[in-house]
Amino acid sequence: MIWEVELILYMFVIVAAIVALEVKDLLTAVVSLTIFSFTMALLFVAMGGIDVGFTEAVVGAGVTGILFIVALYQTTIRTND
């Protein structure tokens, strides 16, 4: 694949990881982790690992993202009163 496209995907991965670590809102962190996982799936496909990319897209971006969002909405907000 064209190395420029891979470089752009690597930059998306780094930015998504930093956003996921630094953001205070949990929903934004979950969305950023889902974007990270999907971008990694695209990188795997670009490197020739079609089966690994497909598995990462389904499990990493799909199932894990949905489970995180469901778990997030099942929790309550605690205040420091």
PDB file of N, CA and C in Angstrom:
ATOM      1  N   MET A   1       0.845  -1.182   0.000  1.00  0.00           N
ATOM      2  CA  MET A   1       0.000   0.000   0.000  1.00  0.00           C
ATOM      3  C   MET A   1       0.884   1.237   0.000  1.00  0.00           C
ATOM      4  N   ILE A   2       0.307   2.344  -0.304  1.00  0.00           N
ATOM      5  CA  ILE A   2       1.038   3.599  -0.363  1.00  0.00           C
ATOM      6  C   ILE A   2       1.441   3.998   1.062  1.00  0.00           C
ATOM      7  N   TRP A   3       2.710   4.328   1.246  1.00  0.00           N
ATOM      8  CA  TRP A   3       3.215   4.606   2.588  1.00  0.00           C
ATOM      9  C   TRP A   3       2.633   5.897   3.163  1.00  0.00           C
ATOM     10  N   GLU A   4       2.200   6.802   2.325  1.00  0.00           N
ATOM     11  CA  GLU A   4       1.589   8.038   2.827  1.00  0.00           C
ATOM     12  C   GLU A   4       0.265   7.752   3.535  1.00  0.00           C
ATOM     13  N   VAL A   5      -0.507   6.808   2.990  1.00  0.00           N
ATOM     14  CA  VAL A   5      -1.784   6.441   3.606  1.00  0.00           C
ATOM     15  C   VAL A   5      -1.530   5.780   4.953  1.00  0.00           C
ATOM     16  N   GLU A   6      -0.530   4.906   5.015  1.00  0.00           N
ATOM     17  CA  GLU A   6      -0.194   4.270   6.283  1.00  0.00           C
ATOM     18  C   GLU A   6       0.282   5.293   7.305  1.00  0.00           C
ATOM     19  N   LEU A   7       1.027   6.282   6.875  1.00  0.00           N
ATOM     20  CA  LEU A   7       1.490   7.328   7.781  1.00  0.00           C
ATOM     21  C   LEU A   7       0.323   8.126   8.352  1.00  0.00           C
ATOM     22  N   ILE A   8      -0.660   8.434   7.528  1.00  0.00           N
ATOM     23  CA  ILE A   8      -1.850   9.141   7.999  1.00  0.00           C
ATOM     24  C   ILE A   8      -2.622   8.285   8.996  1.00  0.00           C
ATOM     25  N   LEU A   9      -2.741   6.993   8.710  1.00  0.00           N
ATOM     26  CA  LEU A   9      -3.421   6.094   9.647  1.00  0.00           C
ATOM     27  C   LEU A   9      -2.671   6.001  10.967  1.00  0.00           C
ATOM     28  N   TYR A  10      -1.335   5.962  10.922  1.00  0.00           N
ATOM     29  CA  TYR A  10      -0.546   5.956  12.156  1.00  0.00           C
ATOM     30  C   TYR A  10      -0.783   7.225  12.971  1.00  0.00           C
ATOM     31  N   MET A  11      -0.887   8.359  12.289  1.00  0.00           N
ATOM     32  CA  MET A  11      -1.146   9.614  13.007  1.00  0.00           C
ATOM     33  C   MET A  11      -2.531   9.593  13.649  1.00  0.00           C
ATOM     34  N   PHE A  12      -3.540   9.052  12.952  1.00  0.00           N
ATOM     35  CA  PHE A  12      -4.870   8.916  13.541  1.00  0.00           C
ATOM     36  C   PHE A  12      -4.836   8.029  14.776  1.00  0.00           C
ATOM     37  N   VAL A  13      -4.055   6.947  14.722  1.00  0.00           N
ATOM     38  CA  VAL A  13      -3.942   6.044  15.868  1.00  0.00           C
ATOM     39  C   VAL A  13      -3.341   6.772  17.068  1.00  0.00           C
ATOM     40  N   ILE A  14      -2.282   7.524  16.838  1.00  0.00           N
ATOM     41  CA  ILE A  14      -1.626   8.241  17.934  1.00  0.00           C
ATOM     42  C   ILE A  14      -2.540   9.299  18.521  1.00  0.00           C
ATOM     43  N   VAL A  15      -3.228  10.051  17.675  1.00  0.00           N
ATOM     44  CA  VAL A  15      -4.136  11.099  18.163  1.00  0.00           C
ATOM     45  C   VAL A  15      -5.304  10.482  18.936  1.00  0.00           C
ATOM     46  N   ALA A  16      -5.870   9.403  18.438  1.00  0.00           N
ATOM     47  CA  ALA A  16      -6.986   8.757  19.134  1.00  0.00           C
ATOM     48  C   ALA A  16      -6.549   8.215  20.487  1.00  0.00           C
ATOM     49  N   ALA A  17      -5.343   7.668  20.573  1.00  0.00           N
ATOM     50  CA  ALA A  17      -4.845   7.148  21.845  1.00  0.00           C
ATOM     51  C   ALA A  17      -4.616   8.273  22.843  1.00  0.00           C
ATOM     52  N   ILE A  18      -4.053   9.381  22.402  1.00  0.00           N
ATOM     53  CA  ILE A  18      -3.816  10.511  23.307  1.00  0.00           C
ATOM     54  C   ILE A  18      -5.126  11.110  23.782  1.00  0.00           C
ATOM     55  N   VAL A  19      -6.086  11.243  22.887  1.00  0.00           N
ATOM     56  CA  VAL A  19      -7.395  11.776  23.275  1.00  0.00           C
ATOM     57  C   VAL A  19      -8.067  10.850  24.288  1.00  0.00           C
ATOM     58  N   ALA A  20      -7.992   9.554  24.068  1.00  0.00           N
ATOM     59  CA  ALA A  20      -8.608   8.601  24.990  1.00  0.00           C
ATOM     60  C   ALA A  20      -7.977   8.673  26.375  1.00  0.00           C
ATOM     61  N   LEU A  21      -6.695   8.944  26.444  1.00  0.00           N
ATOM     62  CA  LEU A  21      -6.015   9.021  27.734  1.00  0.00           C
ATOM     63  C   LEU A  21      -6.238  10.346  28.452  1.00  0.00           C
ATOM     64  N   GLU A  22      -6.371  11.417  27.716  1.00  0.00           N
ATOM     65  CA  GLU A  22      -6.388  12.742  28.330  1.00  0.00           C
ATOM     66  C   GLU A  22      -7.779  13.319  28.580  1.00  0.00           C
ATOM     67  N   VAL A  23      -8.799  12.807  27.943  1.00  0.00           N
ATOM     68  CA  VAL A  23     -10.132  13.390  28.052  1.00  0.00           C
ATOM     69  C   VAL A  23     -10.764  12.993  29.387  1.00  0.00           C
ATOM     70  N   LYS A  24     -11.593  13.880  29.939  1.00  0.00           N
ATOM     71  CA  LYS A  24     -12.250  13.618  31.219  1.00  0.00           C
ATOM     72  C   LYS A  24     -13.617  12.946  31.055  1.00  0.00           C
ATOM     73  N   ASP A  25     -14.283  13.166  29.931  1.00  0.00           N
ATOM     74  CA  ASP A  25     -15.595  12.580  29.683  1.00  0.00           C
ATOM     75  C   ASP A  25     -15.428  11.127  29.247  1.00  0.00           C
ATOM     76  N   LEU A  26     -16.101  10.215  29.947  1.00  0.00           N
ATOM     77  CA  LEU A  26     -15.934   8.793  29.662  1.00  0.00           C
ATOM     78  C   LEU A  26     -16.513   8.387  28.310  1.00  0.00           C
ATOM     79  N   LEU A  27     -17.618   8.998  27.906  1.00  0.00           N
ATOM     80  CA  LEU A  27     -18.199   8.659  26.604  1.00  0.00           C
ATOM     81  C   LEU A  27     -17.250   9.056  25.475  1.00  0.00           C
ATOM     82  N   THR A  28     -16.610  10.188  25.601  1.00  0.00           N
ATOM     83  CA  THR A  28     -15.628  10.611  24.599  1.00  0.00           C
ATOM     84  C   THR A  28     -14.441   9.656  24.573  1.00  0.00           C
ATOM     85  N   ALA A  29     -14.036   9.167  25.732  1.00  0.00           N
ATOM     86  CA  ALA A  29     -12.938   8.204  25.791  1.00  0.00           C
ATOM     87  C   ALA A  29     -13.317   6.896  25.104  1.00  0.00           C
ATOM     88  N   VAL A  30     -14.552   6.441  25.302  1.00  0.00           N
ATOM     89  CA  VAL A  30     -14.996   5.197  24.658  1.00  0.00           C
ATOM     90  C   VAL A  30     -15.055   5.368  23.141  1.00  0.00           C
ATOM     91  N   VAL A  31     -15.568   6.488  22.684  1.00  0.00           N
ATOM     92  CA  VAL A  31     -15.628   6.743  21.242  1.00  0.00           C
ATOM     93  C   VAL A  31     -14.216   6.822  20.661  1.00  0.00           C
ATOM     94  N   SER A  32     -13.312   7.457  21.392  1.00  0.00           N
ATOM     95  CA  SER A  32     -11.933   7.551  20.922  1.00  0.00           C
ATOM     96  C   SER A  32     -11.265   6.177  20.864  1.00  0.00           C
ATOM     97  N   LEU A  33     -11.542   5.316  21.827  1.00  0.00           N
ATOM     98  CA  LEU A  33     -10.997   3.958  21.778  1.00  0.00           C
ATOM     99  C   LEU A  33     -11.580   3.152  20.624  1.00  0.00           C
ATOM    100  N   THR A  34     -12.840   3.382  20.314  1.00  0.00           N
ATOM    101  CA  THR A  34     -13.452   2.707  19.169  1.00  0.00           C
ATOM    102  C   THR A  34     -12.816   3.178  17.862  1.00  0.00           C
ATOM    103  N   ILE A  35     -12.571   4.477  17.757  1.00  0.00           N
ATOM    104  CA  ILE A  35     -11.883   5.016  16.576  1.00  0.00           C
ATOM    105  C   ILE A  35     -10.472   4.445  16.481  1.00  0.00           C
ATOM    106  N   PHE A  36      -9.785   4.356  17.617  1.00  0.00           N
ATOM    107  CA  PHE A  36      -8.450   3.754  17.653  1.00  0.00           C
ATOM    108  C   PHE A  36      -8.480   2.321  17.120  1.00  0.00           C
ATOM    109  N   SER A  37      -9.437   1.547  17.601  1.00  0.00           N
ATOM    110  CA  SER A  37      -9.517   0.147  17.206  1.00  0.00           C
ATOM    111  C   SER A  37      -9.849  -0.001  15.724  1.00  0.00           C
ATOM    112  N   PHE A  38     -10.759   0.810  15.219  1.00  0.00           N
ATOM    113  CA  PHE A  38     -11.105   0.726  13.801  1.00  0.00           C
ATOM    114  C   PHE A  38      -9.943   1.161  12.914  1.00  0.00           C
ATOM    115  N   THR A  39      -9.198   2.178  13.350  1.00  0.00           N
ATOM    116  CA  THR A  39      -8.033   2.607  12.583  1.00  0.00           C
ATOM    117  C   THR A  39      -6.959   1.530  12.578  1.00  0.00           C
ATOM    118  N   MET A  40      -6.801   0.837  13.703  1.00  0.00           N
ATOM    119  CA  MET A  40      -5.859  -0.283  13.736  1.00  0.00           C
ATOM    120  C   MET A  40      -6.297  -1.389  12.779  1.00  0.00           C
ATOM    121  N   ALA A  41      -7.611  -1.615  12.670  1.00  0.00           N
ATOM    122  CA  ALA A  41      -8.109  -2.607  11.721  1.00  0.00           C
ATOM    123  C   ALA A  41      -7.759  -2.199  10.291  1.00  0.00           C
ATOM    124  N   LEU A  42      -7.891  -0.920   9.988  1.00  0.00           N
ATOM    125  CA  LEU A  42      -7.513  -0.441   8.659  1.00  0.00           C
ATOM    126  C   LEU A  42      -6.021  -0.625   8.404  1.00  0.00           C
ATOM    127  N   LEU A  43      -5.205  -0.404   9.425  1.00  0.00           N
ATOM    128  CA  LEU A  43      -3.767  -0.614   9.276  1.00  0.00           C
ATOM    129  C   LEU A  43      -3.433  -2.087   9.039  1.00  0.00           C
ATOM    130  N   PHE A  44      -4.109  -2.969   9.765  1.00  0.00           N
ATOM    131  CA  PHE A  44      -3.872  -4.396   9.556  1.00  0.00           C
ATOM    132  C   PHE A  44      -4.210  -4.805   8.129  1.00  0.00           C
ATOM    133  N   VAL A  45      -5.310  -4.293   7.609  1.00  0.00           N
ATOM    134  CA  VAL A  45      -5.698  -4.604   6.229  1.00  0.00           C
ATOM    135  C   VAL A  45      -4.687  -4.015   5.253  1.00  0.00           C
ATOM    136  N   ALA A  46      -4.211  -2.805   5.531  1.00  0.00           N
ATOM    137  CA  ALA A  46      -3.225  -2.175   4.648  1.00  0.00           C
ATOM    138  C   ALA A  46      -1.919  -2.952   4.618  1.00  0.00           C
ATOM    139  N   MET A  47      -1.591  -3.628   5.717  1.00  0.00           N
ATOM    140  CA  MET A  47      -0.355  -4.409   5.774  1.00  0.00           C
ATOM    141  C   MET A  47      -0.522  -5.826   5.242  1.00  0.00           C
ATOM    142  N   GLY A  48      -1.751  -6.190   4.871  1.00  0.00           N
ATOM    143  CA  GLY A  48      -1.967  -7.494   4.267  1.00  0.00           C
ATOM    144  C   GLY A  48      -2.610  -8.520   5.171  1.00  0.00           C
ATOM    145  N   GLY A  49      -2.899  -8.160   6.397  1.00  0.00           N
ATOM    146  CA  GLY A  49      -3.538  -9.095   7.314  1.00  0.00           C
ATOM    147  C   GLY A  49      -5.041  -8.919   7.297  1.00  0.00           C
ATOM    148  N   ILE A  50      -5.684  -9.424   6.258  1.00  0.00           N
ATOM    149  CA  ILE A  50      -7.117  -9.222   6.073  1.00  0.00           C
ATOM    150  C   ILE A  50      -7.905  -9.866   7.212  1.00  0.00           C
ATOM    151  N   ASP A  51      -7.534 -11.077   7.595  1.00  0.00           N
ATOM    152  CA  ASP A  51      -8.274 -11.770   8.653  1.00  0.00           C
ATOM    153  C   ASP A  51      -8.095 -11.089  10.005  1.00  0.00           C
ATOM    154  N   VAL A  52      -6.891 -10.607  10.281  1.00  0.00           N
ATOM    155  CA  VAL A  52      -6.646  -9.903  11.538  1.00  0.00           C
ATOM    156  C   VAL A  52      -7.388  -8.570  11.556  1.00  0.00           C
ATOM    157  N   GLY A  53      -7.397  -7.877  10.436  1.00  0.00           N
ATOM    158  CA  GLY A  53      -8.120  -6.610  10.339  1.00  0.00           C
ATOM    159  C   GLY A  53      -9.616  -6.787  10.517  1.00  0.00           C
ATOM    160  N   PHE A  54     -10.156  -7.847   9.912  1.00  0.00           N
ATOM    161  CA  PHE A  54     -11.592  -8.108  10.059  1.00  0.00           C
ATOM    162  C   PHE A  54     -11.939  -8.439  11.503  1.00  0.00           C
ATOM    163  N   THR A  55     -11.114  -9.241  12.159  1.00  0.00           N
ATOM    164  CA  THR A  55     -11.359  -9.592  13.558  1.00  0.00           C
ATOM    165  C   THR A  55     -11.258  -8.364  14.455  1.00  0.00           C
ATOM    166  N   GLU A  56     -10.283  -7.517  14.203  1.00  0.00           N
ATOM    167  CA  GLU A  56     -10.134  -6.293  14.995  1.00  0.00           C
ATOM    168  C   GLU A  56     -11.327  -5.365  14.795  1.00  0.00           C
ATOM    169  N   ALA A  57     -11.826  -5.280  13.587  1.00  0.00           N
ATOM    170  CA  ALA A  57     -12.976  -4.416  13.326  1.00  0.00           C
ATOM    171  C   ALA A  57     -14.223  -4.928  14.036  1.00  0.00           C
ATOM    172  N   VAL A  58     -14.431  -6.229  13.993  1.00  0.00           N
ATOM    173  CA  VAL A  58     -15.637  -6.802  14.605  1.00  0.00           C
ATOM    174  C   VAL A  58     -15.547  -6.795  16.118  1.00  0.00           C
ATOM    175  N   VAL A  59     -14.458  -7.312  16.652  1.00  0.00           N
ATOM    176  CA  VAL A  59     -14.336  -7.453  18.103  1.00  0.00           C
ATOM    177  C   VAL A  59     -13.916  -6.136  18.750  1.00  0.00           C
ATOM    178  N   GLY A  60     -12.855  -5.541  18.242  1.00  0.00           N
ATOM    179  CA  GLY A  60     -12.315  -4.343  18.868  1.00  0.00           C
ATOM    180  C   GLY A  60     -13.199  -3.123  18.725  1.00  0.00           C
ATOM    181  N   ALA A  61     -13.603  -2.830  17.515  1.00  0.00           N
ATOM    182  CA  ALA A  61     -14.403  -1.626  17.289  1.00  0.00           C
ATOM    183  C   ALA A  61     -15.885  -1.874  17.529  1.00  0.00           C
ATOM    184  N   GLY A  62     -16.366  -3.063  17.225  1.00  0.00           N
ATOM    185  CA  GLY A  62     -17.794  -3.329  17.333  1.00  0.00           C
ATOM    186  C   GLY A  62     -18.244  -3.763  18.700  1.00  0.00           C
ATOM    187  N   VAL A  63     -17.884  -4.958  19.074  1.00  0.00           N
ATOM    188  CA  VAL A  63     -18.398  -5.550  20.309  1.00  0.00           C
ATOM    189  C   VAL A  63     -17.892  -4.818  21.540  1.00  0.00           C
ATOM    190  N   THR A  64     -16.597  -4.528  21.590  1.00  0.00           N
ATOM    191  CA  THR A  64     -16.033  -3.867  22.762  1.00  0.00           C
ATOM    192  C   THR A  64     -16.587  -2.458  22.928  1.00  0.00           C
ATOM    193  N   GLY A  65     -16.740  -1.740  21.847  1.00  0.00           N
ATOM    194  CA  GLY A  65     -17.317  -0.397  21.933  1.00  0.00           C
ATOM    195  C   GLY A  65     -18.739  -0.412  22.455  1.00  0.00           C
ATOM    196  N   ILE A  66     -19.525  -1.344  21.975  1.00  0.00           N
ATOM    197  CA  ILE A  66     -20.912  -1.460  22.442  1.00  0.00           C
ATOM    198  C   ILE A  66     -20.957  -1.852  23.913  1.00  0.00           C
ATOM    199  N   LEU A  67     -20.112  -2.798  24.321  1.00  0.00           N
ATOM    200  CA  LEU A  67     -20.076  -3.206  25.731  1.00  0.00           C
ATOM    201  C   LEU A  67     -19.651  -2.060  26.641  1.00  0.00           C
ATOM    202  N   PHE A  68     -18.674  -1.274  26.216  1.00  0.00           N
ATOM    203  CA  PHE A  68     -18.252  -0.120  27.018  1.00  0.00           C
ATOM    204  C   PHE A  68     -19.376   0.898  27.157  1.00  0.00           C
ATOM    205  N   ILE A  69     -20.092   1.166  26.074  1.00  0.00           N
ATOM    206  CA  ILE A  69     -21.178   2.148  26.133  1.00  0.00           C
ATOM    207  C   ILE A  69     -22.313   1.646  27.014  1.00  0.00           C
ATOM    208  N   VAL A  70     -22.663   0.370  26.914  1.00  0.00           N
ATOM    209  CA  VAL A  70     -23.706  -0.195  27.772  1.00  0.00           C
ATOM    210  C   VAL A  70     -23.279  -0.122  29.235  1.00  0.00           C
ATOM    211  N   ALA A  71     -22.044  -0.476  29.526  1.00  0.00           N
ATOM    212  CA  ALA A  71     -21.546  -0.402  30.906  1.00  0.00           C
ATOM    213  C   ALA A  71     -21.531   1.030  31.409  1.00  0.00           C
ATOM    214  N   LEU A  72     -21.215   1.958  30.544  1.00  0.00           N
ATOM    215  CA  LEU A  72     -21.178   3.359  30.932  1.00  0.00           C
ATOM    216  C   LEU A  72     -22.568   3.876  31.289  1.00  0.00           C
ATOM    217  N   TYR A  73     -23.573   3.481  30.533  1.00  0.00           N
ATOM    218  CA  TYR A  73     -24.931   3.939  30.818  1.00  0.00           C
ATOM    219  C   TYR A  73     -25.589   3.173  31.963  1.00  0.00           C
ATOM    220  N   GLN A  74     -25.001   2.064  32.399  1.00  0.00           N
ATOM    221  CA  GLN A  74     -25.531   1.330  33.548  1.00  0.00           C
ATOM    222  C   GLN A  74     -24.973   1.856  34.874  1.00  0.00           C
ATOM    223  N   THR A  75     -24.002   2.727  34.827  1.00  0.00           N
ATOM    224  CA  THR A  75     -23.408   3.272  36.044  1.00  0.00           C
ATOM    225  C   THR A  75     -24.105   4.569  36.439  1.00  0.00           C
ATOM    226  N   THR A  76     -23.922   4.967  37.684  1.00  0.00           N
ATOM    227  CA  THR A  76     -24.490   6.228  38.161  1.00  0.00           C
ATOM    228  C   THR A  76     -23.365   7.228  38.405  1.00  0.00           C
ATOM    229  N   ILE A  77     -23.744   8.477  38.409  1.00  0.00           N
ATOM    230  CA  ILE A  77     -22.766   9.550  38.623  1.00  0.00           C
ATOM    231  C   ILE A  77     -22.657   9.810  40.120  1.00  0.00           C
ATOM    232  N   ARG A  78     -21.426   9.789  40.626  1.00  0.00           N
ATOM    233  CA  ARG A  78     -21.178  10.114  42.020  1.00  0.00           C
ATOM    234  C   ARG A  78     -20.727  11.553  42.136  1.00  0.00           C
ATOM    235  N   THR A  79     -21.249  12.253  43.110  1.00  0.00           N
ATOM    236  CA  THR A  79     -20.808  13.619  43.366  1.00  0.00           C
ATOM    237  C   THR A  79     -20.081  13.646  44.691  1.00  0.00           C
ATOM    238  N   ASN A  80     -19.210  14.576  44.845  1.00  0.00           N
ATOM    239  CA  ASN A  80     -18.429  14.714  46.077  1.00  0.00           C
ATOM    240  C   ASN A  80     -19.114  15.707  47.011  1.00  0.00           C
ATOM    241  N   ASP A  81     -20.224  15.303  47.600  1.00  0.00           N
ATOM    242  CA  ASP A  81     -20.945  16.189  48.531  1.00  0.00           C
ATOM    243  C   ASP A  81     -20.503  15.938  49.945  1.00  0.00           C
TER     244      ASP A  81
END
